[in-house]
């Protein structure tokens, strides 16, 4: 089993083809093909993290996404942000999130704190 680092876009494309082929085979864990798939998938993940980093979402977009995803209303955010007018100020980018708001949104809605502390665009 010859496995090399992914150093170029051509290596990346070739590795993706091999991973696709192995996924189609659906090898059992612990077999030669299963181990090869596991190692190649790890290499692909490392290459993608270095070359195609995913930026964190804007904090307001993250809140709106979670609201939509969970079927939440503005009223549901009041315990985390404050009165209804304060929630609207936050969602309309008229007011910045405070540290207590960030903590509550992270705790109650599971929004990554790293996203909530990112400066608003």
Protein backbone atom coordinates (compact mmCIF):
# COMPACT_ATOMS: atom_id res chain seq x y z
CA UNK A 1 0.00 0.00 0.00
CA UNK A 2 1.87 3.06 -1.26
CA UNK A 3 0.52 6.31 0.14
CA UNK A 4 2.17 9.66 -0.46
CA UNK A 5 1.47 13.17 0.85
CA UNK A 6 -0.83 15.40 -1.17
CA UNK A 7 1.44 18.19 -2.39
CA UNK A 8 -0.37 19.57 -5.42
CA UNK A 9 -3.80 20.00 -6.93
CA UNK A 10 -3.05 17.06 -9.24
CA UNK A 11 -2.21 14.87 -6.23
CA UNK A 12 -5.42 16.05 -4.58
CA UNK A 13 -7.56 15.17 -7.61
CA UNK A 14 -5.92 11.74 -7.94
CA UNK A 15 -6.47 11.06 -4.25
CA UNK A 16 -10.14 12.06 -4.51
CA UNK A 17 -10.60 9.59 -7.38
CA UNK A 18 -9.01 6.84 -5.33
CA UNK A 19 -11.16 7.69 -2.30
CA UNK A 20 -14.27 7.62 -4.50
CA UNK A 21 -13.27 4.23 -5.89
CA UNK A 22 -12.72 2.86 -2.40
CA UNK A 23 -16.00 4.28 -1.10
CA UNK A 24 -17.80 2.50 -3.92
CA UNK A 25 -16.17 -0.76 -2.81
CA UNK A 26 -17.38 -0.15 0.77
CA UNK A 27 -14.46 -2.03 2.36
CA UNK A 28 -14.74 -3.38 5.87
CA UNK A 29 -12.71 -1.61 8.56
CA UNK A 30 -9.41 -3.31 9.24
CA UNK A 31 -9.01 -4.65 5.71
CA UNK A 32 -6.28 -3.38 3.40
CA UNK A 33 -8.79 -1.34 1.40
CA UNK A 34 -10.51 -0.11 4.55
CA UNK A 35 -7.22 1.06 6.05
CA UNK A 36 -6.23 2.70 2.75
CA UNK A 37 -9.56 4.56 2.62
CA UNK A 38 -9.13 5.74 6.21
CA UNK A 39 -5.60 7.06 5.60
CA UNK A 40 -6.47 8.72 2.29
CA UNK A 41 -9.55 10.39 3.77
CA UNK A 42 -7.37 11.79 6.55
CA UNK A 43 -4.90 13.15 4.00
CA UNK A 44 -7.71 14.76 2.00
CA UNK A 45 -9.13 16.40 5.13
CA UNK A 46 -5.73 17.83 6.04
CA UNK A 47 -5.15 19.13 2.50
CA UNK A 48 -8.60 20.73 2.36
CA UNK A 49 -8.17 22.37 5.77
CA UNK A 50 -4.91 23.95 4.56
CA UNK A 51 -5.96 24.94 1.06
CA UNK A 52 -9.73 25.47 1.31
CA UNK A 53 -10.39 26.82 4.81
CA UNK A 54 -14.02 27.47 5.65
CA UNK A 55 -14.54 30.91 7.13
CA UNK A 56 -16.81 31.26 10.13
CA UNK A 57 -20.20 32.81 9.38
CA UNK A 58 -21.07 36.35 10.36
CA UNK A 59 -22.58 36.34 13.90
CA UNK A 60 -25.94 37.74 12.80
CA UNK A 61 -26.16 35.30 9.90
CA UNK A 62 -25.34 32.47 12.33
CA UNK A 63 -28.16 33.57 14.64
CA UNK A 64 -30.64 33.90 11.76
CA UNK A 65 -29.62 30.49 10.41
CA UNK A 66 -30.16 28.87 13.82
CA UNK A 67 -33.51 30.62 14.16
CA UNK A 68 -34.61 29.30 10.78
CA UNK A 69 -33.18 25.85 11.44
CA UNK A 70 -34.92 25.54 14.81
CA UNK A 71 -38.11 27.39 13.96
CA UNK A 72 -37.39 30.13 16.50
CA UNK A 73 -39.02 33.54 16.61
CA UNK A 74 -37.75 36.87 17.88
CA UNK A 75 -39.61 36.18 21.12
CA UNK A 76 -37.56 33.00 21.60
CA UNK A 77 -34.36 35.09 21.60
CA UNK A 78 -35.52 37.45 24.34
CA UNK A 79 -34.13 35.33 27.22
CA UNK A 80 -30.71 35.41 25.56
CA UNK A 81 -30.60 38.95 24.17
CA UNK A 82 -33.18 41.03 26.04
CA UNK A 83 -36.39 42.77 25.18
CA UNK A 84 -37.90 42.48 21.73
CA UNK A 85 -36.59 45.87 20.57
CA UNK A 86 -33.07 44.84 21.60
CA UNK A 87 -33.39 41.60 19.61
CA UNK A 88 -34.44 43.60 16.53
CA UNK A 89 -31.52 46.02 17.04
CA UNK A 90 -29.12 43.06 17.08
CA UNK A 91 -30.70 41.33 14.07
CA UNK A 92 -30.72 44.60 12.10
CA UNK A 93 -27.08 45.29 13.00
CA UNK A 94 -27.90 48.47 14.92
CA UNK A 95 -26.32 47.14 18.10
CA UNK A 96 -23.41 44.77 18.75
CA UNK A 97 -23.66 41.57 20.75
CA UNK A 98 -22.41 41.83 24.33
CA UNK A 99 -20.38 39.15 26.07
CA UNK A 100 -23.35 37.96 28.19
CA UNK A 101 -25.47 37.69 25.02
CA UNK A 102 -22.72 35.70 23.29
CA UNK A 103 -22.47 33.33 26.23
CA UNK A 104 -26.24 32.74 26.34
CA UNK A 105 -26.56 32.27 22.56
CA UNK A 106 -23.68 29.80 22.64
CA UNK A 107 -25.08 27.91 25.62
CA UNK A 108 -28.76 27.89 24.61
CA UNK A 109 -28.56 27.65 20.81
CA UNK A 110 -25.23 25.88 20.38
CA UNK A 111 -23.86 28.56 18.05
CA UNK A 112 -20.05 28.38 18.10
CA UNK A 113 -18.64 31.18 20.26
CA UNK A 114 -15.93 31.75 17.64
CA UNK A 115 -18.64 32.75 15.18
CA UNK A 116 -20.46 34.99 17.66
CA UNK A 117 -17.34 36.97 18.58
CA UNK A 118 -16.40 37.56 14.95
CA UNK A 119 -16.83 41.23 13.96
CA UNK A 120 -20.10 41.89 12.14
CA UNK A 121 -19.84 42.71 8.44
